[in-house]
C-alpha cells in the first residue's frame, strides 16, 4: 500500500485516557473521574464523587500528566 506524497497522518488522545492526576492542581472532577471500571465482570457505574474501594481507570490512566517530558523526548 502506498500513500500520496501529500498524505497527512493524524492522531489524537483523550485527557481521561492518558493524563491520570485527576485531583491535582485544582482540577475539578469530570464525568470520567467518577466512572468506575467497565468489563465483562463489572458493570460501569457513575458514582456521586470518589468512593474508597472503587476502581476508576481515569485516575491513573498512563500518567501522562507526570511523565509527559520523558514520553515526548
Protein backbone atom coordinates (compact mmCIF):
# COMPACT_ATOMS: atom_id res chain seq x y z
CA UNK A 1 0.00 0.00 0.00
CA UNK A 2 1.33 3.44 -0.84
CA UNK A 3 0.16 6.83 0.28
CA UNK A 4 0.16 10.03 -1.75
CA UNK A 5 3.11 12.38 -1.12
CA UNK A 6 0.77 14.94 0.42
CA UNK A 7 -0.84 12.40 2.78
CA UNK A 8 -1.03 13.71 6.34
CA UNK A 9 -1.12 11.40 9.32
CA UNK A 10 -3.24 12.47 12.25
CA UNK A 11 -3.56 11.41 15.83
CA UNK A 12 -5.42 12.30 18.97
CA UNK A 13 -5.57 11.44 22.63
CA UNK A 14 -8.22 11.89 25.27
CA UNK A 15 -7.31 13.53 28.57
CA UNK A 16 -9.18 10.99 30.70
CA UNK A 17 -7.43 8.12 28.88
CA UNK A 18 -3.92 9.43 29.29
CA UNK A 19 -3.45 12.09 31.97
CA UNK A 20 -4.19 10.48 35.29
CA UNK A 21 -3.66 13.07 38.06
CA UNK A 22 -7.41 13.53 38.36
CA UNK A 23 -7.17 15.52 41.59
CA UNK A 24 -4.10 17.78 41.24
CA UNK A 25 -3.52 21.46 40.51
CA UNK A 26 -7.11 22.45 41.29
CA UNK A 27 -8.69 20.22 38.66
CA UNK A 28 -12.35 19.53 39.32
CA UNK A 29 -13.98 16.15 38.82
CA UNK A 30 -15.28 15.29 35.37
CA UNK A 31 -17.79 12.59 34.47
CA UNK A 32 -14.86 10.33 33.54
CA UNK A 33 -13.41 10.77 37.05
CA UNK A 34 -16.49 9.22 38.66
CA UNK A 35 -16.93 6.38 36.15
CA UNK A 36 -15.87 3.01 37.50
CA UNK A 37 -14.20 0.26 35.51
CA UNK A 38 -16.29 -1.49 32.87
CA UNK A 39 -15.56 -5.02 31.72
CA UNK A 40 -17.47 -8.31 31.37
CA UNK A 41 -17.31 -8.87 35.15
CA UNK A 42 -18.15 -5.31 36.25
CA UNK A 43 -20.91 -3.01 35.07
CA UNK A 44 -19.86 0.65 34.67
CA UNK A 45 -21.15 2.80 37.49
CA UNK A 46 -21.19 6.59 37.83
CA UNK A 47 -20.77 7.42 41.50
CA UNK A 48 -21.54 10.62 43.38
CA UNK A 49 -17.92 11.51 43.94
CA UNK A 50 -14.97 9.22 44.50
CA UNK A 51 -15.73 6.21 46.69
CA UNK A 52 -12.99 4.34 48.55
CA UNK A 53 -12.55 0.81 47.22
CA UNK A 54 -13.96 1.51 43.74
CA UNK A 55 -11.64 1.42 40.73
CA UNK A 56 -11.68 4.49 38.49
CA UNK A 57 -9.43 3.88 35.44
CA UNK A 58 -9.03 7.59 34.63
CA UNK A 59 -7.37 8.28 37.99
CA UNK A 60 -4.12 6.66 36.84
CA UNK A 61 -4.53 6.22 33.09
CA UNK A 62 -0.99 6.22 31.60
CA UNK A 63 0.11 9.02 33.97
CA UNK A 64 0.96 11.36 31.09
CA UNK A 65 0.45 14.33 33.43
CA UNK A 66 3.58 13.37 35.36
CA UNK A 67 5.53 11.62 32.59
CA UNK A 68 4.97 13.84 29.54
CA UNK A 69 8.56 15.09 29.36
CA UNK A 70 10.03 11.60 29.14
CA UNK A 71 7.20 10.39 26.89
CA UNK A 72 7.80 13.17 24.34
CA UNK A 73 11.61 13.08 24.50
